[in-house]
Amino acid sequence: FRVMVGLGFAFIAMMAYFFVRTSFCRMRFPRWSLVAAVIMIPTPWIAVELGWFVAEFGRQPWTVDGVLPTALSASGLSVTDLLITLAGFITFYSILFVIEMGLMVKYIRKGPFLDVAETEAWTARHEHRLRTHDGQGPFAANPAE
């Protein structure tokens, strides 16, 4: 539970950090923040699984609270049936994983739509526009007093 909640706060902190940076048009992020963002990619799934564990362990000894105890809801499947089903799920999700990784690598190699020079020119124009906004507004470099 604590890991799940900790990950939730980490998501909020990362979102707030990137929101504030982009709100003030600082489009060049430090390397550590980009590495942290990539490391955070699988953590939502980890948080969901940990939440599921908490929910499942918390309702023991009931399958349906107050109605069906877990002892009566056990499956009648044989070990062979269980292993075949498990192997099927593992195979299916492994195939999906390989497809997803292939797509990610394909689009990573393709790169962003704009090249670096275009992106830097856009960033410079955008930062200049925000700084010269008549000295007004929350994004002005020197707000009027």
C-alpha atoms as a PDB file:
ATOM      1  CA  PHE A   1       0.000   0.000   0.000  1.00  0.00           C
ATOM      2  CA  ARG A   2       2.758   2.422   0.933  1.00  0.00           C
ATOM      3  CA  VAL A   3       4.629   1.793  -2.312  1.00  0.00           C
ATOM      4  CA  MET A   4       1.424   2.381  -4.298  1.00  0.00           C
ATOM      5  CA  VAL A   5       0.758   5.660  -2.494  1.00  0.00           C
ATOM      6  CA  GLY A   6       4.409   6.689  -2.794  1.00  0.00           C
ATOM      7  CA  LEU A   7       4.291   6.085  -6.537  1.00  0.00           C
ATOM      8  CA  GLY A   8       1.112   8.163  -6.715  1.00  0.00           C
ATOM      9  CA  PHE A   9       2.883  11.092  -5.064  1.00  0.00           C
ATOM     10  CA  ALA A  10       5.870  10.584  -7.390  1.00  0.00           C
ATOM     11  CA  PHE A  11       3.475  10.858 -10.376  1.00  0.00           C
ATOM     12  CA  ILE A  12       2.045  14.080  -8.970  1.00  0.00           C
ATOM     13  CA  ALA A  13       5.527  15.497  -8.326  1.00  0.00           C
ATOM     14  CA  MET A  14       6.731  14.650 -11.849  1.00  0.00           C
ATOM     15  CA  MET A  15       3.592  16.127 -13.398  1.00  0.00           C
ATOM     16  CA  ALA A  16       3.945  19.308 -11.330  1.00  0.00           C
ATOM     17  CA  TYR A  17       7.639  19.657 -12.213  1.00  0.00           C
ATOM     18  CA  PHE A  18       7.074  19.295 -15.960  1.00  0.00           C
ATOM     19  CA  PHE A  19       3.956  21.481 -15.841  1.00  0.00           C
ATOM     20  CA  VAL A  20       5.813  24.329 -14.134  1.00  0.00           C
ATOM     21  CA  ARG A  21       8.814  24.001 -16.472  1.00  0.00           C
ATOM     22  CA  THR A  22       6.653  24.074 -19.598  1.00  0.00           C
ATOM     23  CA  SER A  23       4.390  26.819 -18.223  1.00  0.00           C
ATOM     24  CA  PHE A  24       7.369  29.124 -18.028  1.00  0.00           C
ATOM     25  CA  CYS A  25       8.529  27.935 -21.439  1.00  0.00           C
ATOM     26  CA  ARG A  26      11.677  26.262 -20.291  1.00  0.00           C
ATOM     27  CA  MET A  27      11.607  23.606 -22.958  1.00  0.00           C
ATOM     28  CA  ARG A  28      15.149  22.416 -22.345  1.00  0.00           C
ATOM     29  CA  PHE A  29      14.926  19.891 -19.551  1.00  0.00           C
ATOM     30  CA  PRO A  30      17.888  18.719 -17.488  1.00  0.00           C
ATOM     31  CA  ARG A  31      19.062  15.231 -18.379  1.00  0.00           C
ATOM     32  CA  TRP A  32      18.148  13.858 -14.934  1.00  0.00           C
ATOM     33  CA  SER A  33      14.493  14.851 -15.401  1.00  0.00           C
ATOM     34  CA  LEU A  34      14.283  13.079 -18.758  1.00  0.00           C
ATOM     35  CA  VAL A  35      15.919   9.953 -17.306  1.00  0.00           C
ATOM     36  CA  ALA A  36      13.477  10.076 -14.382  1.00  0.00           C
ATOM     37  CA  ALA A  37      10.552  10.385 -16.801  1.00  0.00           C
ATOM     38  CA  VAL A  38      11.683   7.295 -18.701  1.00  0.00           C
ATOM     39  CA  ILE A  39      12.184   5.367 -15.462  1.00  0.00           C
ATOM     40  CA  MET A  40       8.627   6.313 -14.440  1.00  0.00           C
ATOM     41  CA  ILE A  41       7.100   4.680 -17.546  1.00  0.00           C
ATOM     42  CA  PRO A  42       6.392   1.242 -15.971  1.00  0.00           C
ATOM     43  CA  THR A  43       5.483   2.554 -12.526  1.00  0.00           C
ATOM     44  CA  PRO A  44       1.736   3.056 -13.183  1.00  0.00           C
ATOM     45  CA  TRP A  45       1.419  -0.665 -13.865  1.00  0.00           C
ATOM     46  CA  ILE A  46       3.374  -1.450 -10.708  1.00  0.00           C
ATOM     47  CA  ALA A  47       1.073   0.835  -8.687  1.00  0.00           C
ATOM     48  CA  VAL A  48      -2.046  -0.792 -10.165  1.00  0.00           C
ATOM     49  CA  GLU A  49      -0.785  -4.286  -9.363  1.00  0.00           C
ATOM     50  CA  LEU A  50       0.118  -3.287  -5.819  1.00  0.00           C
ATOM     51  CA  GLY A  51      -3.348  -1.771  -5.385  1.00  0.00           C
ATOM     52  CA  TRP A  52      -4.881  -4.998  -6.644  1.00  0.00           C
ATOM     53  CA  PHE A  53      -2.834  -6.979  -4.096  1.00  0.00           C
ATOM     54  CA  VAL A  54      -4.089  -4.734  -1.300  1.00  0.00           C
ATOM     55  CA  ALA A  55      -7.695  -5.183  -2.449  1.00  0.00           C
ATOM     56  CA  GLU A  56      -7.367  -8.974  -2.731  1.00  0.00           C
ATOM     57  CA  PHE A  57      -5.562  -9.487   0.558  1.00  0.00           C
ATOM     58  CA  GLY A  58      -7.852  -7.072   2.347  1.00  0.00           C
ATOM     59  CA  ARG A  59     -11.035  -8.962   1.594  1.00  0.00           C
ATOM     60  CA  GLN A  60      -9.867 -12.342   2.875  1.00  0.00           C
ATOM     61  CA  PRO A  61     -11.502 -14.711   3.877  1.00  0.00           C
ATOM     62  CA  TRP A  62     -14.297 -13.588   1.540  1.00  0.00           C
ATOM     63  CA  THR A  63     -14.542 -13.741  -2.251  1.00  0.00           C
ATOM     64  CA  VAL A  64     -17.788 -11.777  -2.107  1.00  0.00           C
ATOM     65  CA  ASP A  65     -17.882  -9.905   1.190  1.00  0.00           C
ATOM     66  CA  GLY A  66     -20.279 -11.564   3.614  1.00  0.00           C
ATOM     67  CA  VAL A  67     -21.706 -13.879   0.927  1.00  0.00           C
ATOM     68  CA  LEU A  68     -19.105 -16.282  -0.490  1.00  0.00           C
ATOM     69  CA  PRO A  69     -16.070 -17.416   1.524  1.00  0.00           C
ATOM     70  CA  THR A  70     -12.879 -18.162  -0.405  1.00  0.00           C
ATOM     71  CA  ALA A  71     -12.930 -21.820   0.674  1.00  0.00           C
ATOM     72  CA  LEU A  72     -16.171 -22.348  -1.292  1.00  0.00           C
ATOM     73  CA  SER A  73     -15.070 -20.394  -4.358  1.00  0.00           C
ATOM     74  CA  ALA A  74     -11.986 -22.458  -5.172  1.00  0.00           C
ATOM     75  CA  SER A  75     -11.802 -23.659  -8.767  1.00  0.00           C
ATOM     76  CA  GLY A  76     -12.240 -27.283  -9.754  1.00  0.00           C
ATOM     77  CA  LEU A  77      -9.596 -27.037 -12.490  1.00  0.00           C
ATOM     78  CA  SER A  78      -6.860 -29.624 -12.594  1.00  0.00           C
ATOM     79  CA  VAL A  79      -3.230 -28.559 -12.367  1.00  0.00           C
ATOM     80  CA  THR A  80      -2.801 -29.358 -16.077  1.00  0.00           C
ATOM     81  CA  ASP A  81      -5.722 -27.109 -17.044  1.00  0.00           C
ATOM     82  CA  LEU A  82      -4.337 -24.351 -14.879  1.00  0.00           C
ATOM     83  CA  LEU A  83      -0.849 -24.610 -16.414  1.00  0.00           C
ATOM     84  CA  ILE A  84      -2.242 -24.626 -19.972  1.00  0.00           C
ATOM     85  CA  THR A  85      -4.295 -21.505 -19.239  1.00  0.00           C
ATOM     86  CA  LEU A  86      -1.331 -19.810 -17.570  1.00  0.00           C
ATOM     87  CA  ALA A  87       0.936 -20.676 -20.516  1.00  0.00           C
ATOM     88  CA  GLY A  88      -1.671 -19.240 -22.901  1.00  0.00           C
ATOM     89  CA  PHE A  89      -1.842 -15.947 -21.000  1.00  0.00           C
ATOM     90  CA  ILE A  90       1.943 -15.719 -20.762  1.00  0.00           C
ATOM     91  CA  THR A  91       2.302 -16.395 -24.495  1.00  0.00           C
ATOM     92  CA  PHE A  92      -0.398 -13.888 -25.448  1.00  0.00           C
ATOM     93  CA  TYR A  93       0.970 -11.075 -23.295  1.00  0.00           C
ATOM     94  CA  SER A  94       4.557 -11.838 -24.331  1.00  0.00           C
ATOM     95  CA  ILE A  95       3.522 -11.416 -27.974  1.00  0.00           C
ATOM     96  CA  LEU A  96       1.817  -8.118 -27.113  1.00  0.00           C
ATOM     97  CA  PHE A  97       4.949  -7.009 -25.242  1.00  0.00           C
ATOM     98  CA  VAL A  98       7.195  -7.785 -28.231  1.00  0.00           C
ATOM     99  CA  ILE A  99       4.843  -5.906 -30.579  1.00  0.00           C
ATOM    100  CA  GLU A 100       4.741  -2.901 -28.229  1.00  0.00           C
ATOM    101  CA  MET A 101       8.527  -2.797 -27.852  1.00  0.00           C
ATOM    102  CA  GLY A 102       8.908  -3.063 -31.640  1.00  0.00           C
ATOM    103  CA  LEU A 103       6.549  -0.126 -32.155  1.00  0.00           C
ATOM    104  CA  MET A 104       8.308   1.941 -29.506  1.00  0.00           C
ATOM    105  CA  VAL A 105      11.732   1.306 -31.062  1.00  0.00           C
ATOM    106  CA  LYS A 106      10.341   2.129 -34.522  1.00  0.00           C
ATOM    107  CA  TYR A 107       9.016   5.519 -33.402  1.00  0.00           C
ATOM    108  CA  ILE A 108      12.054   6.294 -31.259  1.00  0.00           C
ATOM    109  CA  ARG A 109      14.304   5.723 -34.279  1.00  0.00           C
ATOM    110  CA  LYS A 110      12.008   7.885 -36.413  1.00  0.00           C
ATOM    111  CA  GLY A 111      12.553  10.774 -34.003  1.00  0.00           C
ATOM    112  CA  PRO A 112      10.546  13.936 -33.470  1.00  0.00           C
ATOM    113  CA  PHE A 113       8.688  15.591 -36.330  1.00  0.00           C
ATOM    114  CA  LEU A 114      10.732  18.783 -36.119  1.00  0.00           C
ATOM    115  CA  ASP A 115      14.477  18.726 -36.368  1.00  0.00           C
ATOM    116  CA  VAL A 116      16.596  20.240 -33.622  1.00  0.00           C
ATOM    117  CA  ALA A 117      17.154  23.586 -35.380  1.00  0.00           C
ATOM    118  CA  GLU A 118      13.422  24.100 -35.941  1.00  0.00           C
ATOM    119  CA  THR A 119      12.650  23.177 -32.347  1.00  0.00           C
ATOM    120  CA  GLU A 120      15.288  25.553 -30.963  1.00  0.00           C
ATOM    121  CA  ALA A 121      14.047  28.380 -33.199  1.00  0.00           C
ATOM    122  CA  TRP A 122      10.478  27.805 -32.031  1.00  0.00           C
ATOM    123  CA  THR A 123      11.604  27.743 -28.386  1.00  0.00           C
ATOM    124  CA  ALA A 124      13.525  31.020 -28.789  1.00  0.00           C
ATOM    125  CA  ARG A 125      10.516  32.737 -30.427  1.00  0.00           C
ATOM    126  CA  HIS A 126       8.172  31.417 -27.749  1.00  0.00           C
ATOM    127  CA  GLU A 127      10.427  32.487 -24.859  1.00  0.00           C
ATOM    128  CA  HIS A 128      10.881  35.937 -26.437  1.00  0.00           C
ATOM    129  CA  ARG A 129       7.111  36.347 -26.879  1.00  0.00           C
ATOM    130  CA  LEU A 130       6.485  35.506 -23.230  1.00  0.00           C
ATOM    131  CA  ARG A 131       9.224  37.834 -21.978  1.00  0.00           C
ATOM    132  CA  THR A 132       8.021  40.789 -24.063  1.00  0.00           C
ATOM    133  CA  HIS A 133       4.360  40.490 -23.141  1.00  0.00           C
ATOM    134  CA  ASP A 134       4.130  44.219 -22.180  1.00  0.00           C
ATOM    135  CA  GLY A 135       5.549  43.310 -18.773  1.00  0.00           C
ATOM    136  CA  GLN A 136       2.173  41.866 -17.835  1.00  0.00           C
ATOM    137  CA  GLY A 137       0.933  38.400 -17.056  1.00  0.00           C
ATOM    138  CA  PRO A 138       2.302  35.544 -14.998  1.00  0.00           C
ATOM    139  CA  PHE A 139       4.980  34.613 -17.544  1.00  0.00           C
ATOM    140  CA  ALA A 140       6.639  37.995 -17.986  1.00  0.00           C
ATOM    141  CA  ALA A 141      10.354  38.140 -17.235  1.00  0.00           C
ATOM    142  CA  ASN A 142      10.000  41.421 -15.314  1.00  0.00           C
ATOM    143  CA  PRO A 143       6.363  41.858 -14.289  1.00  0.00           C
ATOM    144  CA  ALA A 144       5.166  45.435 -13.803  1.00  0.00           C
ATOM    145  CA  GLU A 145       4.828  46.463 -10.192  1.00  0.00           C
END
